[in-house]
Amino acid sequence: MADKGQGEILFEFVVQGNVVKATAIDPSSGREASIVGPAIAGRDALAQAAARKLKYVMERKS
């Protein structure tokens, strides 16, 4: 997934019962950010939340 002004973002989803851990990874720096949400939320919503958190982490560490 490509975001405006950002490079590529990789996503990983791990389902554990009724929750999903979504991890967004910046392949160029190796930084990652994870969120946990309900399985019924849908992958798009979880991916967007993880991408927002990754953006926050990237801006904070700059």
C-alpha atoms as a PDB file:
ATOM      1  CA  MET A   1       0.000   0.000   0.000  1.00  0.00           C
ATOM      2  CA  ALA A   2       1.365   3.407  -0.910  1.00  0.00           C
ATOM      3  CA  ASP A   3       0.373   6.528   0.974  1.00  0.00           C
ATOM      4  CA  LYS A   4       0.574  10.088  -0.341  1.00  0.00           C
ATOM      5  CA  GLY A   5       4.013  11.443   0.410  1.00  0.00           C
ATOM      6  CA  GLN A   6       5.209   8.112   1.760  1.00  0.00           C
ATOM      7  CA  GLY A   7       6.815   5.085   0.252  1.00  0.00           C
ATOM      8  CA  GLU A   8       5.584   1.532   0.390  1.00  0.00           C
ATOM      9  CA  ILE A   9       4.059   0.106   3.568  1.00  0.00           C
ATOM     10  CA  LEU A  10       3.838  -3.622   4.255  1.00  0.00           C
ATOM     11  CA  PHE A  11       1.117  -5.055   6.482  1.00  0.00           C
ATOM     12  CA  GLU A  12       0.935  -8.202   8.585  1.00  0.00           C
ATOM     13  CA  PHE A  13      -2.242  -9.462  10.243  1.00  0.00           C
ATOM     14  CA  VAL A  14      -2.257 -12.040  13.036  1.00  0.00           C
ATOM     15  CA  VAL A  15      -5.638 -13.340  14.182  1.00  0.00           C
ATOM     16  CA  GLN A  16      -5.888 -14.507  17.786  1.00  0.00           C
ATOM     17  CA  GLY A  17      -9.432 -15.450  18.699  1.00  0.00           C
ATOM     18  CA  ASN A  18     -11.671 -12.429  18.324  1.00  0.00           C
ATOM     19  CA  VAL A  19      -8.834  -9.875  18.000  1.00  0.00           C
ATOM     20  CA  VAL A  20      -6.372  -9.076  15.225  1.00  0.00           C
ATOM     21  CA  LYS A  21      -2.876  -7.659  15.596  1.00  0.00           C
ATOM     22  CA  ALA A  22      -2.123  -5.448  12.577  1.00  0.00           C
ATOM     23  CA  THR A  23       1.487  -4.437  11.976  1.00  0.00           C
ATOM     24  CA  ALA A  24       2.566  -1.771   9.486  1.00  0.00           C
ATOM     25  CA  ILE A  25       6.186  -1.992   8.336  1.00  0.00           C
ATOM     26  CA  ASP A  26       8.289   0.573   6.479  1.00  0.00           C
ATOM     27  CA  PRO A  27      10.601  -1.618   4.366  1.00  0.00           C
ATOM     28  CA  SER A  28      13.174   1.125   3.755  1.00  0.00           C
ATOM     29  CA  SER A  29      13.869   1.783   7.447  1.00  0.00           C
ATOM     30  CA  GLY A  30      12.624  -1.449   9.016  1.00  0.00           C
ATOM     31  CA  ARG A  31      10.506   0.455  11.525  1.00  0.00           C
ATOM     32  CA  GLU A  32       7.164  -0.995  12.452  1.00  0.00           C
ATOM     33  CA  ALA A  33       4.075  -0.127  14.446  1.00  0.00           C
ATOM     34  CA  SER A  34       1.359  -2.474  15.688  1.00  0.00           C
ATOM     35  CA  ILE A  35      -2.206  -2.066  16.835  1.00  0.00           C
ATOM     36  CA  VAL A  36      -4.715  -4.568  18.190  1.00  0.00           C
ATOM     37  CA  GLY A  37      -8.369  -4.378  17.262  1.00  0.00           C
ATOM     38  CA  PRO A  38     -11.526  -6.452  17.024  1.00  0.00           C
ATOM     39  CA  ALA A  39     -11.628  -9.054  14.268  1.00  0.00           C
ATOM     40  CA  ILE A  40     -14.939  -7.670  13.032  1.00  0.00           C
ATOM     41  CA  ALA A  41     -13.360  -4.258  12.289  1.00  0.00           C
ATOM     42  CA  GLY A  42     -12.089  -5.390   8.883  1.00  0.00           C
ATOM     43  CA  ARG A  43      -8.591  -5.380   7.485  1.00  0.00           C
ATOM     44  CA  ASP A  44      -8.901  -2.006   5.763  1.00  0.00           C
ATOM     45  CA  ALA A  45      -9.771  -0.194   9.001  1.00  0.00           C
ATOM     46  CA  LEU A  46      -7.021  -1.981  10.918  1.00  0.00           C
ATOM     47  CA  ALA A  47      -4.481  -1.290   8.157  1.00  0.00           C
ATOM     48  CA  GLN A  48      -5.360   2.413   8.145  1.00  0.00           C
ATOM     49  CA  ALA A  49      -4.980   2.623  11.930  1.00  0.00           C
ATOM     50  CA  ALA A  50      -1.618   0.806  11.807  1.00  0.00           C
ATOM     51  CA  ALA A  51      -0.427   3.086   8.973  1.00  0.00           C
ATOM     52  CA  ARG A  52      -1.382   6.183  10.979  1.00  0.00           C
ATOM     53  CA  LYS A  53       0.549   4.867  13.971  1.00  0.00           C
ATOM     54  CA  LEU A  54       3.575   4.080  11.772  1.00  0.00           C
ATOM     55  CA  LYS A  55       3.472   7.613  10.370  1.00  0.00           C
ATOM     56  CA  TYR A  56       3.403   8.977  13.930  1.00  0.00           C
ATOM     57  CA  VAL A  57       6.351   6.798  14.945  1.00  0.00           C
ATOM     58  CA  MET A  58       8.347   7.795  11.844  1.00  0.00           C
ATOM     59  CA  GLU A  59       7.743  11.527  12.437  1.00  0.00           C
ATOM     60  CA  ARG A  60       8.523  11.241  16.152  1.00  0.00           C
ATOM     61  CA  LYS A  61      11.847   9.414  15.602  1.00  0.00           C
ATOM     62  CA  SER A  62      13.045  11.799  12.861  1.00  0.00           C
END
